[in-house]
PDB file of all heavy atoms in Angstrom:
ATOM      1  N   VAL A   1     -18.607   9.911  -5.946  1.00  0.00           N
ATOM      2  CA  VAL A   1     -18.649   9.031  -7.110  1.00  0.00           C
ATOM      3  C   VAL A   1     -19.090   7.618  -6.699  1.00  0.00           C
ATOM      4  O   VAL A   1     -18.428   6.983  -5.876  1.00  0.00           O
ATOM      5  CB  VAL A   1     -17.256   8.946  -7.781  1.00  0.00           C
ATOM      6  CG1 VAL A   1     -17.345   8.165  -9.089  1.00  0.00           C
ATOM      7  CG2 VAL A   1     -16.685  10.329  -8.025  1.00  0.00           C
ATOM      8  N   PRO A   2     -20.174   7.086  -7.283  1.00  0.00           N
ATOM      9  CA  PRO A   2     -20.553   5.698  -7.016  1.00  0.00           C
ATOM     10  C   PRO A   2     -19.625   4.750  -7.770  1.00  0.00           C
ATOM     11  O   PRO A   2     -18.812   5.182  -8.593  1.00  0.00           O
ATOM     12  CB  PRO A   2     -21.980   5.620  -7.570  1.00  0.00           C
ATOM     13  CG  PRO A   2     -21.987   6.624  -8.676  1.00  0.00           C
ATOM     14  CD  PRO A   2     -21.074   7.741  -8.242  1.00  0.00           C
ATOM     15  N   PHE A   3     -19.724   3.464  -7.481  1.00  0.00           N
ATOM     16  CA  PHE A   3     -18.961   2.500  -8.264  1.00  0.00           C
ATOM     17  C   PHE A   3     -19.813   1.272  -8.501  1.00  0.00           C
ATOM     18  O   PHE A   3     -20.667   0.917  -7.692  1.00  0.00           O
ATOM     19  CB  PHE A   3     -17.628   2.138  -7.596  1.00  0.00           C
ATOM     20  CG  PHE A   3     -17.755   1.338  -6.322  1.00  0.00           C
ATOM     21  CD1 PHE A   3     -17.704  -0.044  -6.344  1.00  0.00           C
ATOM     22  CD2 PHE A   3     -17.921   1.972  -5.102  1.00  0.00           C
ATOM     23  CE1 PHE A   3     -17.817  -0.785  -5.184  1.00  0.00           C
ATOM     24  CE2 PHE A   3     -18.034   1.245  -3.924  1.00  0.00           C
ATOM     25  CZ  PHE A   3     -17.982  -0.141  -3.971  1.00  0.00           C
ATOM     26  N   THR A   4     -19.596   0.648  -9.650  1.00  0.00           N
ATOM     27  CA  THR A   4     -20.345  -0.554 -10.003  1.00  0.00           C
ATOM     28  C   THR A   4     -19.478  -1.797  -9.929  1.00  0.00           C
ATOM     29  O   THR A   4     -19.987  -2.911  -9.976  1.00  0.00           O
ATOM     30  CB  THR A   4     -20.934  -0.434 -11.414  1.00  0.00           C
ATOM     31  OG1 THR A   4     -19.899  -0.045 -12.326  1.00  0.00           O
ATOM     32  CG2 THR A   4     -22.039   0.606 -11.458  1.00  0.00           C
ATOM     33  N   ARG A   5     -18.176  -1.605  -9.830  1.00  0.00           N
ATOM     34  CA  ARG A   5     -17.267  -2.758  -9.776  1.00  0.00           C
ATOM     35  C   ARG A   5     -16.019  -2.356  -9.018  1.00  0.00           C
ATOM     36  O   ARG A   5     -15.532  -1.240  -9.159  1.00  0.00           O
ATOM     37  CB  ARG A   5     -16.895  -3.216 -11.188  1.00  0.00           C
ATOM     38  CG  ARG A   5     -15.982  -4.440 -11.238  1.00  0.00           C
ATOM     39  CD  ARG A   5     -15.746  -4.894 -12.673  1.00  0.00           C
ATOM     40  NE  ARG A   5     -14.895  -6.071 -12.734  1.00  0.00           N
ATOM     41  CZ  ARG A   5     -13.563  -6.034 -12.790  1.00  0.00           C
ATOM     42  NH1 ARG A   5     -12.937  -4.854 -12.803  1.00  0.00           N
ATOM     43  NH2 ARG A   5     -12.854  -7.148 -12.836  1.00  0.00           N
ATOM     44  N   ALA A   6     -15.527  -3.266  -8.204  1.00  0.00           N
ATOM     45  CA  ALA A   6     -14.280  -3.022  -7.482  1.00  0.00           C
ATOM     46  C   ALA A   6     -13.423  -4.281  -7.531  1.00  0.00           C
ATOM     47  O   ALA A   6     -13.929  -5.391  -7.401  1.00  0.00           O
ATOM     48  CB  ALA A   6     -14.558  -2.636  -6.031  1.00  0.00           C
ATOM     49  N   GLU A   7     -12.146  -4.094  -7.752  1.00  0.00           N
ATOM     50  CA  GLU A   7     -11.183  -5.198  -7.701  1.00  0.00           C
ATOM     51  C   GLU A   7     -10.214  -4.901  -6.571  1.00  0.00           C
ATOM     52  O   GLU A   7      -9.584  -3.846  -6.538  1.00  0.00           O
ATOM     53  CB  GLU A   7     -10.436  -5.307  -9.032  1.00  0.00           C
ATOM     54  CG  GLU A   7      -9.396  -6.418  -9.065  1.00  0.00           C
ATOM     55  CD  GLU A   7      -8.666  -6.463 -10.392  1.00  0.00           C
ATOM     56  OE1 GLU A   7      -9.330  -6.677 -11.422  1.00  0.00           O
ATOM     57  OE2 GLU A   7      -7.429  -6.268 -10.406  1.00  0.00           O
ATOM     58  N   ILE A   8     -10.092  -5.829  -5.623  1.00  0.00           N
ATOM     59  CA  ILE A   8      -9.285  -5.600  -4.426  1.00  0.00           C
ATOM     60  C   ILE A   8      -8.289  -6.745  -4.270  1.00  0.00           C
ATOM     61  O   ILE A   8      -8.660  -7.918  -4.360  1.00  0.00           O
ATOM     62  CB  ILE A   8     -10.166  -5.510  -3.163  1.00  0.00           C
ATOM     63  CG1 ILE A   8     -11.293  -4.488  -3.369  1.00  0.00           C
ATOM     64  CG2 ILE A   8      -9.334  -5.134  -1.950  1.00  0.00           C
ATOM     65  CD1 ILE A   8     -12.291  -4.438  -2.230  1.00  0.00           C
ATOM     66  N   SER A   9      -7.028  -6.398  -4.045  1.00  0.00           N
ATOM     67  CA  SER A   9      -5.982  -7.394  -3.832  1.00  0.00           C
ATOM     68  C   SER A   9      -5.292  -7.117  -2.504  1.00  0.00           C
ATOM     69  O   SER A   9      -5.037  -5.955  -2.156  1.00  0.00           O
ATOM     70  CB  SER A   9      -4.937  -7.348  -4.961  1.00  0.00           C
ATOM     71  OG  SER A   9      -5.528  -7.593  -6.215  1.00  0.00           O
ATOM     72  N   PHE A  10      -4.985  -8.172  -1.760  1.00  0.00           N
ATOM     73  CA  PHE A  10      -4.305  -8.072  -0.470  1.00  0.00           C
ATOM     74  C   PHE A  10      -2.967  -8.793  -0.586  1.00  0.00           C
ATOM     75  O   PHE A  10      -2.897  -9.883  -1.163  1.00  0.00           O
ATOM     76  CB  PHE A  10      -5.130  -8.721   0.641  1.00  0.00           C
ATOM     77  CG  PHE A  10      -6.543  -8.210   0.729  1.00  0.00           C
ATOM     78  CD1 PHE A  10      -7.568  -8.817   0.026  1.00  0.00           C
ATOM     79  CD2 PHE A  10      -6.845  -7.113   1.516  1.00  0.00           C
ATOM     80  CE1 PHE A  10      -8.871  -8.353   0.099  1.00  0.00           C
ATOM     81  CE2 PHE A  10      -8.144  -6.630   1.598  1.00  0.00           C
ATOM     82  CZ  PHE A  10      -9.156  -7.251   0.890  1.00  0.00           C
ATOM     83  N   SER A  11      -1.926  -8.206  -0.025  1.00  0.00           N
ATOM     84  CA  SER A  11      -0.622  -8.854  -0.127  1.00  0.00           C
ATOM     85  C   SER A  11       0.319  -8.323   0.944  1.00  0.00           C
ATOM     86  O   SER A  11       0.072  -7.285   1.568  1.00  0.00           O
ATOM     87  CB  SER A  11      -0.009  -8.614  -1.512  1.00  0.00           C
ATOM     88  OG  SER A  11       0.256  -7.233  -1.707  1.00  0.00           O
ATOM     89  N   ALA A  12       1.413  -9.058   1.130  1.00  0.00           N
ATOM     90  CA  ALA A  12       2.537  -8.546   1.905  1.00  0.00           C
ATOM     91  C   ALA A  12       3.466  -7.858   0.916  1.00  0.00           C
ATOM     92  O   ALA A  12       3.602  -8.290  -0.226  1.00  0.00           O
ATOM     93  CB  ALA A  12       3.258  -9.679   2.611  1.00  0.00           C
ATOM     94  N   THR A  13       4.084  -6.764   1.351  1.00  0.00           N
ATOM     95  CA  THR A  13       4.977  -6.032   0.463  1.00  0.00           C
ATOM     96  C   THR A  13       6.204  -5.584   1.244  1.00  0.00           C
ATOM     97  O   THR A  13       6.139  -5.398   2.463  1.00  0.00           O
ATOM     98  CB  THR A  13       4.255  -4.808  -0.149  1.00  0.00           C
ATOM     99  OG1 THR A  13       5.069  -4.217  -1.148  1.00  0.00           O
ATOM    100  CG2 THR A  13       3.923  -3.772   0.906  1.00  0.00           C
ATOM    101  N   ASP A  14       7.319  -5.459   0.562  1.00  0.00           N
ATOM    102  CA  ASP A  14       8.530  -4.932   1.198  1.00  0.00           C
ATOM    103  C   ASP A  14       8.486  -3.406   1.143  1.00  0.00           C
ATOM    104  O   ASP A  14       8.239  -2.820   0.082  1.00  0.00           O
ATOM    105  CB  ASP A  14       9.779  -5.424   0.469  1.00  0.00           C
ATOM    106  CG  ASP A  14       9.973  -6.933   0.590  1.00  0.00           C
ATOM    107  OD1 ASP A  14       9.439  -7.512   1.561  1.00  0.00           O
ATOM    108  OD2 ASP A  14      10.635  -7.516  -0.283  1.00  0.00           O
ATOM    109  N   ALA A  15       8.707  -2.765   2.243  1.00  0.00           N
ATOM    110  CA  ALA A  15       8.646  -1.311   2.306  1.00  0.00           C
ATOM    111  C   ALA A  15       9.694  -0.679   1.393  1.00  0.00           C
ATOM    112  O   ALA A  15      10.878  -1.029   1.450  1.00  0.00           O
ATOM    113  CB  ALA A  15       8.851  -0.833   3.737  1.00  0.00           C
ATOM    114  N   THR A  16       9.244   0.239   0.543  1.00  0.00           N
ATOM    115  CA  THR A  16      10.177   1.022  -0.251  1.00  0.00           C
ATOM    116  C   THR A  16      10.810   2.078   0.651  1.00  0.00           C
ATOM    117  O   THR A  16      10.369   2.307   1.784  1.00  0.00           O
ATOM    118  CB  THR A  16       9.463   1.710  -1.420  1.00  0.00           C
ATOM    119  OG1 THR A  16       8.537   2.680  -0.885  1.00  0.00           O
ATOM    120  CG2 THR A  16       8.707   0.697  -2.282  1.00  0.00           C
ATOM    121  N   LEU A  17      11.837   2.751   0.122  1.00  0.00           N
ATOM    122  CA  LEU A  17      12.483   3.799   0.907  1.00  0.00           C
ATOM    123  C   LEU A  17      11.470   4.896   1.257  1.00  0.00           C
ATOM    124  O   LEU A  17      11.413   5.362   2.402  1.00  0.00           O
ATOM    125  CB  LEU A  17      13.655   4.395   0.121  1.00  0.00           C
ATOM    126  CG  LEU A  17      14.381   5.577   0.787  1.00  0.00           C
ATOM    127  CD1 LEU A  17      14.962   5.154   2.138  1.00  0.00           C
ATOM    128  CD2 LEU A  17      15.477   6.111  -0.134  1.00  0.00           C
ATOM    129  N   GLN A  18      10.629   5.294   0.278  1.00  0.00           N
ATOM    130  CA  GLN A  18       9.625   6.341   0.526  1.00  0.00           C
ATOM    131  C   GLN A  18       8.619   5.900   1.570  1.00  0.00           C
ATOM    132  O   GLN A  18       8.292   6.653   2.500  1.00  0.00           O
ATOM    133  CB  GLN A  18       8.919   6.699  -0.776  1.00  0.00           C
ATOM    134  CG  GLN A  18       7.891   7.817  -0.623  1.00  0.00           C
ATOM    135  CD  GLN A  18       7.087   8.055  -1.884  1.00  0.00           C
ATOM    136  OE1 GLN A  18       6.734   7.104  -2.580  1.00  0.00           O
ATOM    137  NE2 GLN A  18       6.784   9.310  -2.191  1.00  0.00           N
ATOM    138  N   GLN A  19       8.121   4.672   1.444  1.00  0.00           N
ATOM    139  CA  GLN A  19       7.139   4.172   2.416  1.00  0.00           C
ATOM    140  C   GLN A  19       7.758   4.066   3.800  1.00  0.00           C
ATOM    141  O   GLN A  19       7.123   4.417   4.807  1.00  0.00           O
ATOM    142  CB  GLN A  19       6.617   2.819   1.951  1.00  0.00           C
ATOM    143  CG  GLN A  19       5.764   2.894   0.693  1.00  0.00           C
ATOM    144  CD  GLN A  19       5.579   1.550   0.028  1.00  0.00           C
ATOM    145  OE1 GLN A  19       6.100   0.528   0.492  1.00  0.00           O
ATOM    146  NE2 GLN A  19       4.835   1.522  -1.069  1.00  0.00           N
ATOM    147  N   ALA A  20       8.997   3.596   3.879  1.00  0.00           N
ATOM    148  CA  ALA A  20       9.668   3.452   5.173  1.00  0.00           C
ATOM    149  C   ALA A  20       9.835   4.804   5.860  1.00  0.00           C
ATOM    150  O   ALA A  20       9.659   4.920   7.081  1.00  0.00           O
ATOM    151  CB  ALA A  20      11.019   2.779   4.971  1.00  0.00           C
ATOM    152  N   GLN A  21      10.158   5.827   5.079  1.00  0.00           N
ATOM    153  CA  GLN A  21      10.331   7.165   5.659  1.00  0.00           C
ATOM    154  C   GLN A  21       9.030   7.682   6.257  1.00  0.00           C
ATOM    155  O   GLN A  21       9.030   8.344   7.298  1.00  0.00           O
ATOM    156  CB  GLN A  21      10.838   8.123   4.586  1.00  0.00           C
ATOM    157  CG  GLN A  21      12.273   7.863   4.162  1.00  0.00           C
ATOM    158  CD  GLN A  21      12.684   8.684   2.955  1.00  0.00           C
ATOM    159  OE1 GLN A  21      11.848   9.153   2.184  1.00  0.00           O
ATOM    160  NE2 GLN A  21      13.989   8.869   2.781  1.00  0.00           N
ATOM    161  N   HIS A  22       7.914   7.368   5.620  1.00  0.00           N
ATOM    162  CA  HIS A  22       6.628   7.876   6.093  1.00  0.00           C
ATOM    163  C   HIS A  22       5.993   6.987   7.163  1.00  0.00           C
ATOM    164  O   HIS A  22       5.232   7.476   8.004  1.00  0.00           O
ATOM    165  CB  HIS A  22       5.662   8.029   4.926  1.00  0.00           C
ATOM    166  CG  HIS A  22       5.972   9.197   4.038  1.00  0.00           C
ATOM    167  ND1 HIS A  22       5.762  10.508   4.426  1.00  0.00           N
ATOM    168  CD2 HIS A  22       6.490   9.257   2.789  1.00  0.00           C
ATOM    169  CE1 HIS A  22       6.133  11.318   3.454  1.00  0.00           C
ATOM    170  NE2 HIS A  22       6.576  10.597   2.449  1.00  0.00           N
ATOM    171  N   LEU A  23       6.282   5.699   7.134  1.00  0.00           N
ATOM    172  CA  LEU A  23       5.655   4.765   8.080  1.00  0.00           C
ATOM    173  C   LEU A  23       6.576   4.421   9.258  1.00  0.00           C
ATOM    174  O   LEU A  23       6.259   3.541  10.052  1.00  0.00           O
ATOM    175  CB  LEU A  23       5.236   3.486   7.354  1.00  0.00           C
ATOM    176  CG  LEU A  23       4.054   3.659   6.386  1.00  0.00           C
ATOM    177  CD1 LEU A  23       3.869   2.408   5.532  1.00  0.00           C
ATOM    178  CD2 LEU A  23       2.767   3.967   7.142  1.00  0.00           C
ATOM    179  N   ASP A  24       7.704   5.114   9.358  1.00  0.00           N
ATOM    180  CA  ASP A  24       8.619   4.947  10.487  1.00  0.00           C
ATOM    181  C   ASP A  24       9.059   3.486  10.650  1.00  0.00           C
ATOM    182  O   ASP A  24       8.929   2.889  11.717  1.00  0.00           O
ATOM    183  CB  ASP A  24       7.964   5.450  11.780  1.00  0.00           C
ATOM    184  CG  ASP A  24       8.967   5.570  12.926  1.00  0.00           C
ATOM    185  OD1 ASP A  24      10.172   5.706  12.634  1.00  0.00           O
ATOM    186  OD2 ASP A  24       8.541   5.522  14.097  1.00  0.00           O
ATOM    187  N   CYS A  25       9.544   2.927   9.534  1.00  0.00           N
ATOM    188  CA  CYS A  25      10.068   1.570   9.585  1.00  0.00           C
ATOM    189  C   CYS A  25      11.318   1.518   8.707  1.00  0.00           C
ATOM    190  O   CYS A  25      11.793   2.560   8.228  1.00  0.00           O
ATOM    191  CB  CYS A  25       9.025   0.556   9.112  1.00  0.00           C
ATOM    192  SG  CYS A  25       8.539   0.738   7.377  1.00  0.00           S
ATOM    193  N   ASN A  26      11.867   0.340   8.514  1.00  0.00           N
ATOM    194  CA  ASN A  26      13.076   0.200   7.721  1.00  0.00           C
ATOM    195  C   ASN A  26      12.748  -0.233   6.299  1.00  0.00           C
ATOM    196  O   ASN A  26      11.803  -1.012   6.086  1.00  0.00           O
ATOM    197  CB  ASN A  26      14.008  -0.848   8.345  1.00  0.00           C
ATOM    198  CG  ASN A  26      14.478  -0.433   9.727  1.00  0.00           C
ATOM    199  OD1 ASN A  26      14.887   0.709   9.936  1.00  0.00           O
ATOM    200  ND2 ASN A  26      14.410  -1.361  10.674  1.00  0.00           N
ATOM    201  N   PRO A  27      13.479   0.239   5.304  1.00  0.00           N
ATOM    202  CA  PRO A  27      13.272  -0.263   3.942  1.00  0.00           C
ATOM    203  C   PRO A  27      13.407  -1.789   3.914  1.00  0.00           C
ATOM    204  O   PRO A  27      14.297  -2.358   4.558  1.00  0.00           O
ATOM    205  CB  PRO A  27      14.395   0.406   3.143  1.00  0.00           C
ATOM    206  CG  PRO A  27      14.737   1.644   3.922  1.00  0.00           C
ATOM    207  CD  PRO A  27      14.537   1.262   5.360  1.00  0.00           C
TER     208      PRO A  27
END
């Protein structure tokens, strides 16, 4: 699929419980 427009945001985020379980870090 091609794209004609993209919106990208960068940020720091606090790991959720699900993300922490998969990324081997603490919530």
